[in-house]
């Protein structure tokens, strides 16, 4: 029997600037065992995801994964252009930790009310690769909120942040400071990838980054950990 999986999220799920974790997840299973549907929109906050659940509940899948909160966490950092993001994403209020948790809880509530799917919430990938830096600490704090929502609403918690933290500790990477990604930097990665034909892994390697291409978007190593926690947390026990 084919398991239908809906993957909800932001640019990490859209996979224009990241290695595609849906592709890696699909490859972990024999052909036909898993059918993946992508619901990722670049730049989305938890509030934006809440507004676009109709497409998911209209044709309910068997399993739903939610990977959201990276942009909410970034908005808590000093150098993040919050006003621009609010305008671009039409946010009705300034992003905050409390609002993130409220929106994520509302996402789960609707998915539980209108589907019979098994639901899994992923903690955030690590922002940057300095675990004691402000960016990584923000992704850890927001991951704790994801865990709280999962516990309160009795859905699965998928420990991506914890797995990536382990990987970074093992790798002992160079202490490259976190830099907020600008639109120009995103275009630069796309040019390198699409025009110069450099893989996301090559881009990451040239920058000394272990799991990402730009401190945020995932290379193969980072995306493989996303696929791993989804597979081990939800799919291995479903097949």
Protein backbone atom coordinates (compact mmCIF):
# COMPACT_ATOMS: atom_id res chain seq x y z
CA UNK A 1 0.00 0.00 0.00
CA UNK A 2 1.30 3.44 -0.94
CA UNK A 3 1.68 5.89 1.95
CA UNK A 4 0.72 9.44 0.94
CA UNK A 5 2.87 12.04 2.67
CA UNK A 6 2.30 15.81 2.61
CA UNK A 7 5.38 17.88 3.50
CA UNK A 8 4.50 21.39 4.71
CA UNK A 9 7.00 24.20 5.14
CA UNK A 10 8.95 27.13 3.74
CA UNK A 11 11.88 27.39 1.29
CA UNK A 12 13.55 24.34 2.82
CA UNK A 13 10.56 22.31 1.62
CA UNK A 14 10.19 24.21 -1.67
CA UNK A 15 13.85 23.25 -2.37
CA UNK A 16 14.80 25.92 -4.88
CA UNK A 17 17.79 27.01 -2.79
CA UNK A 18 18.32 23.77 -0.85
CA UNK A 19 18.99 20.14 -1.59
CA UNK A 20 15.57 18.49 -1.84
CA UNK A 21 14.85 16.47 1.29
CA UNK A 22 11.66 15.09 -0.30
CA UNK A 23 13.77 13.50 -3.02
CA UNK A 24 16.12 12.01 -0.42
CA UNK A 25 13.15 10.78 1.62
CA UNK A 26 11.61 9.10 -1.41
CA UNK A 27 14.86 7.32 -2.20
CA UNK A 28 14.85 5.68 1.21
CA UNK A 29 11.86 3.56 0.12
CA UNK A 30 11.15 1.16 -2.76
CA UNK A 31 9.37 2.78 -5.74
CA UNK A 32 5.64 3.14 -5.13
CA UNK A 33 5.79 2.70 -1.35
CA UNK A 34 5.67 6.43 -0.60
CA UNK A 35 4.02 9.25 -2.56
CA UNK A 36 5.20 12.70 -1.53
CA UNK A 37 3.36 15.98 -1.98
CA UNK A 38 5.18 19.29 -1.53
CA UNK A 39 3.59 22.28 0.22
CA UNK A 40 6.54 24.63 0.62
CA UNK A 41 6.50 28.39 0.01
CA UNK A 42 9.64 30.52 0.13
CA UNK A 43 9.88 32.91 3.08
CA UNK A 44 6.81 31.60 4.88
CA UNK A 45 6.24 32.17 8.57
CA UNK A 46 3.99 29.90 10.64
CA UNK A 47 1.19 32.44 10.09
CA UNK A 48 1.48 32.05 6.31
CA UNK A 49 1.33 28.27 6.54
CA UNK A 50 -1.83 28.51 8.62
CA UNK A 51 -3.50 30.49 5.80
CA UNK A 52 -2.89 27.82 3.14
CA UNK A 53 -4.02 24.56 4.69
CA UNK A 54 -7.07 24.18 2.43
CA UNK A 55 -4.97 22.44 -0.23
CA UNK A 56 -3.81 19.89 2.35
CA UNK A 57 -7.13 19.09 4.03
CA UNK A 58 -9.06 18.93 0.74
CA UNK A 59 -7.30 15.69 -0.16
CA UNK A 60 -6.04 14.44 3.21
CA UNK A 61 -2.84 12.36 3.12
CA UNK A 62 -1.86 9.53 5.44
CA UNK A 63 1.08 11.39 6.96
CA UNK A 64 1.75 15.13 7.34
CA UNK A 65 5.13 16.62 8.20
CA UNK A 66 5.51 20.25 9.26
CA UNK A 67 8.87 22.02 9.02
CA UNK A 68 8.21 25.68 9.77
CA UNK A 69 9.69 28.33 12.04
CA UNK A 70 13.08 29.12 10.53
CA UNK A 71 11.87 32.53 9.34
CA UNK A 72 10.12 33.16 12.66
CA UNK A 73 13.39 32.42 14.46
CA UNK A 74 15.42 34.58 12.05
CA UNK A 75 13.04 37.47 12.73
CA UNK A 76 14.15 37.42 16.38
CA UNK A 77 17.75 38.23 15.37
CA UNK A 78 19.10 41.77 15.46
CA UNK A 79 20.05 42.04 11.78
CA UNK A 80 16.89 40.53 10.27
CA UNK A 81 14.86 43.00 8.14
CA UNK A 82 11.56 42.48 9.96
CA UNK A 83 9.65 45.37 8.37
CA UNK A 84 10.49 44.20 4.85
CA UNK A 85 9.44 40.65 5.70
CA UNK A 86 6.15 41.82 7.22
CA UNK A 87 5.34 43.70 4.03
CA UNK A 88 6.47 40.94 1.68
CA UNK A 89 4.60 38.18 3.53
CA UNK A 90 1.61 40.38 4.54
CA UNK A 91 1.98 39.62 8.23
CA UNK A 92 -0.75 41.20 10.38
CA UNK A 93 1.58 41.61 13.34
CA UNK A 94 5.25 41.68 14.20
CA UNK A 95 6.75 38.19 14.46
CA UNK A 96 7.31 36.98 18.00
CA UNK A 97 7.90 33.73 19.84
CA UNK A 98 4.41 33.72 21.32
CA UNK A 99 2.74 34.34 17.98
CA UNK A 100 4.80 31.58 16.34
CA UNK A 101 3.70 29.09 18.97
CA UNK A 102 0.07 30.20 18.64
CA UNK A 103 0.10 29.87 14.84
CA UNK A 104 1.81 26.48 14.94
CA UNK A 105 -0.74 25.27 17.45
CA UNK A 106 -3.53 26.46 15.16
CA UNK A 107 -1.95 24.61 12.23
CA UNK A 108 -1.92 21.39 14.22
CA UNK A 109 -5.46 21.93 15.51
CA UNK A 110 -6.86 22.27 12.00
CA UNK A 111 -4.91 19.31 10.63
CA UNK A 112 -6.12 17.15 13.52
CA UNK A 113 -9.72 18.32 13.14
CA UNK A 114 -9.96 17.87 9.37
CA UNK A 115 -7.70 14.89 8.63
CA UNK A 116 -6.96 11.48 10.12
CA UNK A 117 -3.30 11.81 9.18
CA UNK A 118 -0.37 10.98 11.41
CA UNK A 119 1.24 14.38 12.05
CA UNK A 120 4.89 15.07 12.78
CA UNK A 121 6.41 18.42 13.74
CA UNK A 122 10.11 18.84 12.98
CA UNK A 123 12.29 20.99 15.17
CA UNK A 124 14.24 23.61 13.24
CA UNK A 125 17.50 23.02 11.44
CA UNK A 126 20.40 24.74 13.15
CA UNK A 127 20.86 28.33 11.98
CA UNK A 128 24.54 28.87 11.24
CA UNK A 129 27.14 26.48 12.59
CA UNK A 130 28.34 28.21 15.74
CA UNK A 131 26.27 26.42 18.35
CA UNK A 132 26.87 29.12 20.94
CA UNK A 133 25.99 31.92 18.50
CA UNK A 134 22.78 33.96 18.59
CA UNK A 135 21.38 32.37 15.40
CA UNK A 136 21.85 28.78 16.56
CA UNK A 137 20.47 29.70 19.98
CA UNK A 138 17.37 31.19 18.34
CA UNK A 139 16.78 28.01 16.31
CA UNK A 140 17.15 26.01 19.52
CA UNK A 141 14.67 28.21 21.40
CA UNK A 142 12.08 27.94 18.63
CA UNK A 143 12.67 24.19 18.45
CA UNK A 144 11.74 23.95 22.12
CA UNK A 145 8.46 25.69 21.27
CA UNK A 146 7.84 23.13 18.51
CA UNK A 147 8.38 20.37 21.09
CA UNK A 148 5.91 22.04 23.45
CA UNK A 149 3.23 22.26 20.74
CA UNK A 150 3.81 18.62 19.78
CA UNK A 151 3.51 17.53 23.41
CA UNK A 152 0.43 19.64 24.12
CA UNK A 153 -1.38 18.56 20.96
CA UNK A 154 -0.21 14.93 21.13
CA UNK A 155 1.47 14.72 17.75
CA UNK A 156 4.90 13.33 16.89
CA UNK A 157 7.98 15.42 17.54
CA UNK A 158 10.82 14.89 15.05
CA UNK A 159 14.17 16.02 16.54
CA UNK A 160 15.90 17.58 13.54
CA UNK A 161 17.61 20.32 15.55
CA UNK A 162 19.02 17.77 17.95
CA UNK A 163 20.36 15.55 15.12
CA UNK A 164 21.97 18.52 13.36
CA UNK A 165 23.51 19.69 16.63
CA UNK A 166 25.07 16.24 17.07
CA UNK A 167 26.38 16.34 13.51
CA UNK A 168 27.95 19.77 13.99
CA UNK A 169 29.59 18.76 17.26
CA UNK A 170 31.10 15.72 15.55
CA UNK A 171 32.28 17.75 12.55
CA UNK A 172 33.83 20.48 14.73
CA UNK A 173 33.51 23.03 11.89
CA UNK A 174 35.43 26.29 11.56
CA UNK A 175 33.83 29.13 13.58
CA UNK A 176 32.33 31.00 10.64
CA UNK A 177 30.02 33.78 11.93
CA UNK A 178 26.36 33.65 10.96
CA UNK A 179 25.38 36.13 8.28
CA UNK A 180 21.77 36.95 7.47
CA UNK A 181 20.88 35.98 3.90
CA UNK A 182 20.08 38.95 1.65
CA UNK A 183 18.09 38.78 -1.62
CA UNK A 184 21.36 39.41 -3.46
CA UNK A 185 22.98 36.45 -1.68
CA UNK A 186 20.07 34.18 -2.67
CA UNK A 187 20.43 35.26 -6.30
CA UNK A 188 24.17 34.62 -6.01
CA UNK A 189 23.57 31.02 -4.93
CA UNK A 190 21.07 30.52 -7.77
CA UNK A 191 23.57 31.87 -10.30
CA UNK A 192 26.29 29.57 -9.00
CA UNK A 193 23.91 26.61 -9.05
CA UNK A 194 21.97 27.18 -12.28
CA UNK A 195 24.47 29.08 -14.44
CA UNK A 196 27.88 27.95 -13.18
CA UNK A 197 26.52 24.43 -12.54
CA UNK A 198 27.97 24.22 -9.07
CA UNK A 199 26.23 21.79 -6.76
CA UNK A 200 24.84 23.02 -3.46
CA UNK A 201 27.49 20.86 -1.81
CA UNK A 202 30.28 22.57 -3.74
CA UNK A 203 28.92 25.98 -2.74
CA UNK A 204 28.81 24.86 0.90
CA UNK A 205 32.32 23.43 0.76
CA UNK A 206 33.78 26.60 -0.74
CA UNK A 207 32.26 28.54 2.16
CA UNK A 208 33.39 26.12 4.86
CA UNK A 209 29.81 25.23 5.79
CA UNK A 210 28.95 21.72 6.98
CA UNK A 211 25.14 21.44 6.69
CA UNK A 212 24.07 24.50 4.68
CA UNK A 213 24.97 26.60 1.65
CA UNK A 214 24.38 29.94 3.40
CA UNK A 215 23.78 29.21 7.12
CA UNK A 216 20.08 28.54 6.38
CA UNK A 217 19.41 26.45 3.26
CA UNK A 218 20.46 22.82 3.36
CA UNK A 219 23.20 21.01 1.48
CA UNK A 220 23.06 17.22 1.01
CA UNK A 221 24.29 16.51 4.51
CA UNK A 222 21.73 18.80 6.11
CA UNK A 223 18.85 17.61 3.90
CA UNK A 224 19.74 13.97 4.56
CA UNK A 225 19.18 14.59 8.27
CA UNK A 226 15.73 16.05 7.51
CA UNK A 227 14.85 12.91 5.54
CA UNK A 228 16.29 10.69 8.27
CA UNK A 229 14.25 12.13 11.14
CA UNK A 230 11.03 12.01 9.09
CA UNK A 231 11.68 8.44 8.01
CA UNK A 232 12.69 7.09 11.41
CA UNK A 233 10.02 9.07 13.28
CA UNK A 234 7.02 8.44 11.05
CA UNK A 235 7.48 6.22 8.02
CA UNK A 236 9.51 3.24 9.18
CA UNK A 237 6.81 2.39 11.67
CA UNK A 238 4.05 3.06 9.10
CA UNK A 239 5.34 0.66 6.43
